[in-house]
Amino acid sequence: MLICLLELAPGLMMQASANTFVFNPRNLSWAAINDNGHVVKTGRASGGRNYCPDIHRGCHTPVGTYTIHSKGGPGCRSSRYPVGRGGAEMPYCMFFTQYYAVHGSYDVPNYNASHGCIRVPLSDARWLSANFIHIGTRVVIKPY
């Protein structure tokens, strides 16, 4: 497990002072690290793809450190995608920017496929929302 953590977030274990959600788009994984620096849970995830033809640009999930500022329940939906229609399902959305969220999905492929959100299996999103990610939780997006 320690090797997995170091791949996700080198050095983060010693720096943790609050719950932190880490997404690594290179190995399509996430980790929930508690305030003691221990990995509580891990899982698979899918982030933003290299290029989105409908918006004619790259769609990588923005690399950096953020905090969760809003959350929604099982009925959460996108206001932007699909383009022109909006309304894509985003159950248990946990927003770390105005437009990007960690959310549940029935389709978490083994490649980065979204417009920039982080898709996790529905059961993981439900658990994260109920037990780990709160308003103010730190989110770390590792480089592609």
C-alpha atoms as a PDB file:
ATOM      1  CA  MET A   1       0.000   0.000   0.000  1.00  0.00           C
ATOM      2  CA  LEU A   2       2.848   2.440   0.745  1.00  0.00           C
ATOM      3  CA  ILE A   3       4.200   2.063  -2.786  1.00  0.00           C
ATOM      4  CA  CYS A   4       0.766   2.944  -4.157  1.00  0.00           C
ATOM      5  CA  LEU A   5       0.612   6.034  -1.936  1.00  0.00           C
ATOM      6  CA  LEU A   6       4.051   7.207  -3.027  1.00  0.00           C
ATOM      7  CA  GLU A   7       3.018   6.851  -6.665  1.00  0.00           C
ATOM      8  CA  LEU A   8      -0.128   8.857  -5.989  1.00  0.00           C
ATOM      9  CA  ALA A   9       1.420  11.652  -3.948  1.00  0.00           C
ATOM     10  CA  PRO A  10       5.141  11.557  -3.118  1.00  0.00           C
ATOM     11  CA  GLY A  11       5.804  13.259   0.215  1.00  0.00           C
ATOM     12  CA  LEU A  12       2.155  13.904   0.982  1.00  0.00           C
ATOM     13  CA  MET A  13       1.956  11.395   3.836  1.00  0.00           C
ATOM     14  CA  MET A  14       4.219  13.478   6.064  1.00  0.00           C
ATOM     15  CA  GLN A  15       2.446  16.744   5.191  1.00  0.00           C
ATOM     16  CA  ALA A  16      -1.158  15.703   5.732  1.00  0.00           C
ATOM     17  CA  SER A  17      -2.982  17.838   8.298  1.00  0.00           C
ATOM     18  CA  ALA A  18      -6.554  17.245   7.110  1.00  0.00           C
ATOM     19  CA  ASN A  19      -8.395  14.773   4.915  1.00  0.00           C
ATOM     20  CA  THR A  20      -6.984  14.790   1.389  1.00  0.00           C
ATOM     21  CA  PHE A  21      -8.331  13.239  -1.811  1.00  0.00           C
ATOM     22  CA  VAL A  22      -5.573  12.518  -4.355  1.00  0.00           C
ATOM     23  CA  PHE A  23      -6.180  11.698  -8.034  1.00  0.00           C
ATOM     24  CA  ASN A  24      -3.409  10.352 -10.264  1.00  0.00           C
ATOM     25  CA  PRO A  25      -4.419  10.488 -13.950  1.00  0.00           C
ATOM     26  CA  ARG A  26      -1.330   8.500 -14.975  1.00  0.00           C
ATOM     27  CA  ASN A  27      -2.395   5.322 -13.217  1.00  0.00           C
ATOM     28  CA  LEU A  28      -6.140   6.078 -13.070  1.00  0.00           C
ATOM     29  CA  SER A  29      -6.371   5.864  -9.295  1.00  0.00           C
ATOM     30  CA  TRP A  30      -7.433   7.845  -6.260  1.00  0.00           C
ATOM     31  CA  ALA A  31      -6.580   7.700  -2.577  1.00  0.00           C
ATOM     32  CA  ALA A  32      -8.331   9.037   0.507  1.00  0.00           C
ATOM     33  CA  ILE A  33      -5.673  10.080   3.029  1.00  0.00           C
ATOM     34  CA  ASN A  34      -6.832  11.009   6.526  1.00  0.00           C
ATOM     35  CA  ASP A  35      -5.547  13.760   8.795  1.00  0.00           C
ATOM     36  CA  ASN A  36      -2.980  11.360  10.286  1.00  0.00           C
ATOM     37  CA  GLY A  37      -1.487  10.692   6.851  1.00  0.00           C
ATOM     38  CA  HIS A  38      -2.903   7.174   6.575  1.00  0.00           C
ATOM     39  CA  VAL A  39      -4.495   5.837   3.410  1.00  0.00           C
ATOM     40  CA  VAL A  40      -8.094   5.071   4.347  1.00  0.00           C
ATOM     41  CA  LYS A  41      -9.331   3.868   0.961  1.00  0.00           C
ATOM     42  CA  THR A  42      -8.201   3.717  -2.662  1.00  0.00           C
ATOM     43  CA  GLY A  43      -9.917   3.059  -5.949  1.00  0.00           C
ATOM     44  CA  ARG A  44      -9.898   3.500  -9.674  1.00  0.00           C
ATOM     45  CA  ALA A  45     -10.864   6.693 -11.434  1.00  0.00           C
ATOM     46  CA  SER A  46     -10.941   8.376 -14.816  1.00  0.00           C
ATOM     47  CA  GLY A  47     -10.107  12.032 -15.433  1.00  0.00           C
ATOM     48  CA  GLY A  48     -10.207  14.445 -18.326  1.00  0.00           C
ATOM     49  CA  ARG A  49      -9.198  13.222 -21.757  1.00  0.00           C
ATOM     50  CA  ASN A  50      -6.452  14.686 -23.946  1.00  0.00           C
ATOM     51  CA  TYR A  51      -8.858  16.222 -26.463  1.00  0.00           C
ATOM     52  CA  CYS A  52     -12.611  16.779 -26.532  1.00  0.00           C
ATOM     53  CA  PRO A  53     -13.862  17.139 -30.115  1.00  0.00           C
ATOM     54  CA  ASP A  54     -17.149  18.749 -29.075  1.00  0.00           C
ATOM     55  CA  ILE A  55     -15.347  21.743 -27.541  1.00  0.00           C
ATOM     56  CA  HIS A  56     -12.271  21.612 -29.809  1.00  0.00           C
ATOM     57  CA  ARG A  57      -9.670  21.631 -27.032  1.00  0.00           C
ATOM     58  CA  GLY A  58      -7.942  19.544 -24.411  1.00  0.00           C
ATOM     59  CA  CYS A  59      -9.945  18.418 -21.419  1.00  0.00           C
ATOM     60  CA  HIS A  60      -7.343  17.418 -18.842  1.00  0.00           C
ATOM     61  CA  THR A  61      -8.408  17.653 -15.236  1.00  0.00           C
ATOM     62  CA  PRO A  62      -6.598  20.766 -13.950  1.00  0.00           C
ATOM     63  CA  VAL A  63      -3.425  19.791 -12.089  1.00  0.00           C
ATOM     64  CA  GLY A  64      -2.968  21.366  -8.662  1.00  0.00           C
ATOM     65  CA  THR A  65      -4.271  21.570  -5.122  1.00  0.00           C
ATOM     66  CA  TYR A  66      -7.857  22.630  -4.457  1.00  0.00           C
ATOM     67  CA  THR A  67     -10.516  22.434  -1.759  1.00  0.00           C
ATOM     68  CA  ILE A  68     -14.064  21.157  -2.000  1.00  0.00           C
ATOM     69  CA  HIS A  69     -16.472  24.109  -2.013  1.00  0.00           C
ATOM     70  CA  SER A  70     -19.837  22.455  -2.751  1.00  0.00           C
ATOM     71  CA  LYS A  71     -21.483  19.048  -2.858  1.00  0.00           C
ATOM     72  CA  GLY A  72     -24.602  17.474  -4.295  1.00  0.00           C
ATOM     73  CA  GLY A  73     -26.487  14.249  -3.745  1.00  0.00           C
ATOM     74  CA  PRO A  74     -27.434  11.326  -5.970  1.00  0.00           C
ATOM     75  CA  GLY A  75     -29.390  13.572  -8.362  1.00  0.00           C
ATOM     76  CA  CYS A  76     -26.517  15.940  -9.185  1.00  0.00           C
ATOM     77  CA  ARG A  77     -26.254  16.810 -12.903  1.00  0.00           C
ATOM     78  CA  SER A  78     -23.914  18.785 -15.141  1.00  0.00           C
ATOM     79  CA  SER A  79     -24.942  22.250 -16.244  1.00  0.00           C
ATOM     80  CA  ARG A  80     -22.466  22.219 -19.174  1.00  0.00           C
ATOM     81  CA  TYR A  81     -22.142  18.763 -20.723  1.00  0.00           C
ATOM     82  CA  PRO A  82     -23.048  17.295 -23.085  1.00  0.00           C
ATOM     83  CA  VAL A  83     -22.608  20.524 -25.032  1.00  0.00           C
ATOM     84  CA  GLY A  84     -25.928  22.068 -26.001  1.00  0.00           C
ATOM     85  CA  ARG A  85     -27.934  19.728 -23.810  1.00  0.00           C
ATOM     86  CA  GLY A  86     -26.276  19.685 -20.392  1.00  0.00           C
ATOM     87  CA  GLY A  87     -27.631  17.431 -17.738  1.00  0.00           C
ATOM     88  CA  ALA A  88     -25.122  14.562 -17.686  1.00  0.00           C
ATOM     89  CA  GLU A  89     -25.520  12.584 -14.469  1.00  0.00           C
ATOM     90  CA  MET A  90     -22.914  13.375 -11.797  1.00  0.00           C
ATOM     91  CA  PRO A  91     -24.186  11.535  -8.708  1.00  0.00           C
ATOM     92  CA  TYR A  92     -22.639  12.599  -5.400  1.00  0.00           C
ATOM     93  CA  CYS A  93     -20.799  15.509  -7.032  1.00  0.00           C
ATOM     94  CA  MET A  94     -18.075  17.142  -4.939  1.00  0.00           C
ATOM     95  CA  PHE A  95     -16.872  20.341  -6.630  1.00  0.00           C
ATOM     96  CA  PHE A  96     -13.269  21.494  -6.283  1.00  0.00           C
ATOM     97  CA  THR A  97     -13.610  24.326  -8.863  1.00  0.00           C
ATOM     98  CA  GLN A  98     -16.628  26.030 -10.403  1.00  0.00           C
ATOM     99  CA  TYR A  99     -16.876  23.416 -13.161  1.00  0.00           C
ATOM    100  CA  TYR A 100     -14.834  20.385 -12.046  1.00  0.00           C
ATOM    101  CA  ALA A 101     -15.928  17.762  -9.557  1.00  0.00           C
ATOM    102  CA  VAL A 102     -15.227  14.308  -8.216  1.00  0.00           C
ATOM    103  CA  HIS A 103     -18.422  12.357  -8.883  1.00  0.00           C
ATOM    104  CA  GLY A 104     -19.907   8.929  -9.270  1.00  0.00           C
ATOM    105  CA  SER A 105     -20.391   7.253 -12.612  1.00  0.00           C
ATOM    106  CA  TYR A 106     -21.798   4.025 -13.977  1.00  0.00           C
ATOM    107  CA  ASP A 107     -19.028   4.179 -16.602  1.00  0.00           C
ATOM    108  CA  VAL A 108     -15.451   4.515 -15.312  1.00  0.00           C
ATOM    109  CA  PRO A 109     -13.313   3.359 -18.245  1.00  0.00           C
ATOM    110  CA  ASN A 110      -9.668   2.328 -17.999  1.00  0.00           C
ATOM    111  CA  TYR A 111      -8.564   5.567 -19.658  1.00  0.00           C
ATOM    112  CA  ASN A 112      -9.127   9.286 -19.080  1.00  0.00           C
ATOM    113  CA  ALA A 113     -12.445  10.004 -20.782  1.00  0.00           C
ATOM    114  CA  SER A 114     -14.229  13.001 -19.249  1.00  0.00           C
ATOM    115  CA  HIS A 115     -14.443  16.724 -19.960  1.00  0.00           C
ATOM    116  CA  GLY A 116     -12.280  17.249 -16.856  1.00  0.00           C
ATOM    117  CA  CYS A 117     -14.230  15.848 -13.936  1.00  0.00           C
ATOM    118  CA  ILE A 118     -12.946  12.875 -11.965  1.00  0.00           C
ATOM    119  CA  ARG A 119     -15.224   9.868 -12.393  1.00  0.00           C
ATOM    120  CA  VAL A 120     -15.201   7.215  -9.677  1.00  0.00           C
ATOM    121  CA  PRO A 121     -17.474   4.174  -9.335  1.00  0.00           C
ATOM    122  CA  LEU A 122     -20.865   5.095  -7.881  1.00  0.00           C
ATOM    123  CA  SER A 123     -20.306   3.151  -4.646  1.00  0.00           C
ATOM    124  CA  ASP A 124     -16.990   4.959  -4.086  1.00  0.00           C
ATOM    125  CA  ALA A 125     -18.581   8.376  -4.702  1.00  0.00           C
ATOM    126  CA  ARG A 126     -21.342   7.551  -2.230  1.00  0.00           C
ATOM    127  CA  TRP A 127     -18.748   6.511   0.389  1.00  0.00           C
ATOM    128  CA  LEU A 128     -16.487   9.510  -0.252  1.00  0.00           C
ATOM    129  CA  SER A 129     -19.395  11.956   0.005  1.00  0.00           C
ATOM    130  CA  ALA A 130     -20.837  10.420   3.174  1.00  0.00           C
ATOM    131  CA  ASN A 131     -17.655   9.520   5.036  1.00  0.00           C
ATOM    132  CA  PHE A 132     -14.626  11.406   3.823  1.00  0.00           C
ATOM    133  CA  ILE A 133     -15.035  14.454   1.580  1.00  0.00           C
ATOM    134  CA  HIS A 134     -16.571  17.491   3.260  1.00  0.00           C
ATOM    135  CA  ILE A 135     -16.610  21.191   2.405  1.00  0.00           C
ATOM    136  CA  GLY A 136     -12.974  22.267   2.755  1.00  0.00           C
ATOM    137  CA  THR A 137     -11.431  18.836   2.078  1.00  0.00           C
ATOM    138  CA  ARG A 138      -8.191  19.172   0.136  1.00  0.00           C
ATOM    139  CA  VAL A 139      -8.064  17.742  -3.414  1.00  0.00           C
ATOM    140  CA  VAL A 140      -4.716  17.083  -5.090  1.00  0.00           C
ATOM    141  CA  ILE A 141      -4.619  16.433  -8.850  1.00  0.00           C
ATOM    142  CA  LYS A 142      -1.284  14.949  -9.925  1.00  0.00           C
ATOM    143  CA  PRO A 143       0.270  15.656 -13.369  1.00  0.00           C
ATOM    144  CA  TYR A 144      -0.587  13.663 -16.473  1.00  0.00           C
END
